[in-house]
Protein backbone atom coordinates (compact mmCIF):
# COMPACT_ATOMS: atom_id res chain seq x y z
CA LEU A 1 203.05 18.05 179.08
CA LEU A 2 202.44 20.40 176.18
CA PHE A 3 199.12 21.46 174.77
CA PRO A 4 198.28 23.67 171.81
CA VAL A 5 196.82 27.06 172.68
CA ALA A 6 194.37 28.70 170.31
CA THR A 7 194.48 32.46 169.86
CA TYR A 8 191.33 34.52 169.49
CA GLY A 9 192.09 34.71 165.77
CA ASP A 10 192.35 30.91 165.61
CA LEU A 11 188.93 30.61 167.24
CA LEU A 12 187.36 33.16 164.89
CA GLU A 13 188.50 31.06 161.94
CA HIS A 14 187.74 27.64 163.43
CA PRO A 15 185.57 25.72 160.91
CA GLN A 16 183.22 24.22 163.52
CA LEU A 17 182.60 27.54 165.26
CA ARG A 18 182.06 29.28 161.92
CA ALA A 19 179.61 26.58 160.79
CA ARG A 20 177.62 27.08 164.00
CA ASP A 21 177.66 30.91 163.67
CA TYR A 22 179.09 30.90 167.18
CA PHE A 23 180.40 34.45 167.19
CA VAL A 24 177.94 37.35 167.12
CA GLU A 25 178.26 41.08 166.60
CA VAL A 26 177.15 43.19 169.59
CA GLU A 27 177.01 46.97 169.85
CA HIS A 28 179.44 48.27 172.47
CA PRO A 29 178.29 51.68 173.80
CA GLU A 30 181.62 52.62 175.46
CA LEU A 31 183.55 52.02 172.25
CA GLY A 32 180.85 53.36 169.94
CA ARG A 33 181.15 50.41 167.57
CA TRP A 34 180.16 46.78 167.07
CA VAL A 35 182.45 44.08 168.48
CA THR A 36 182.56 40.32 168.08
CA TYR A 37 181.51 38.30 171.13
CA PRO A 38 181.17 34.56 171.72
CA GLY A 39 177.58 33.44 171.36
CA ALA A 40 175.61 30.70 173.05
CA PHE A 41 177.69 27.69 174.08
CA VAL A 42 174.90 25.33 173.06
CA LYS A 43 172.34 25.43 170.27
CA ALA A 44 169.21 23.31 170.01
CA GLU A 45 166.40 23.33 167.51
CA GLY A 46 163.41 25.25 168.78
CA VAL A 47 165.30 26.71 171.75
CA SER A 48 166.37 30.36 171.94
CA THR A 49 169.86 30.45 173.43
CA GLY A 50 171.27 33.59 171.81
CA LEU A 51 172.49 36.71 173.53
CA ARG A 52 169.61 38.56 175.14
CA ARG A 53 171.55 41.73 175.94
CA ARG A 54 175.01 43.16 175.76
CA PRO A 55 177.64 42.31 178.37
CA PRO A 56 177.69 44.80 181.26
CA LEU A 57 179.86 47.90 181.10
CA THR A 58 182.72 48.23 183.56
CA GLY A 59 181.22 49.09 186.94
CA GLU A 60 177.65 49.10 185.61
CA HIS A 61 176.34 46.93 188.47
CA ASN A 62 178.56 48.22 191.28
CA HIS A 63 175.63 49.59 193.30
CA GLU A 64 173.66 46.35 193.05
CA VAL A 65 176.63 44.13 193.89
CA TYR A 66 178.51 46.19 196.48
CA GLY A 67 175.53 47.97 198.00
CA GLY A 68 172.90 45.27 197.68
CA ASP A 69 174.70 41.94 197.80
CA LEU A 70 177.66 42.92 199.98
CA GLY A 71 176.03 45.62 202.12
CA VAL A 72 178.61 48.32 201.40
CA SER A 73 177.25 51.76 202.38
CA PRO A 74 177.13 54.67 199.90
CA ASP A 75 179.87 56.44 201.89
CA GLU A 76 182.08 53.34 201.77
CA MET A 77 181.48 53.09 198.02
CA VAL A 78 182.73 56.66 197.57
CA VAL A 79 185.91 55.80 199.48
CA LEU A 80 186.44 52.64 197.44
CA LYS A 81 185.87 54.51 194.17
CA GLU A 82 188.20 57.39 195.14
CA GLY A 83 190.82 54.85 196.17
CA GLY A 84 190.64 53.16 192.77
CA VAL A 85 189.38 49.91 194.28
CA ILE A 86 186.19 49.95 192.24
C-alpha cells in the first residue's frame, strides 16, 4: 500500500490549516527567535484551547521527571548527565 506523505512545508500551506490559523508563532529562548509551532488540535467557540506556554527546553524538567517521578538520586543524575544519557 502507498500513502502520500505531507512535508512540514505542505502542512504550513494546507488551505484548511491556514483557514483555521492552526500554526502559531512562539518565542524560542534557546534559539533567540520566534518559531512556528502547531497550535490547538481542536477549536470551539467560547473555549480557550490555544498554547498556554512554550514547549519545554531540552532537559528543562529532568529533575522533576528523573528525581521526582522515577526516584533517581542527585548523584545518579550527575552520572547520567556526565555519561551523556540525559
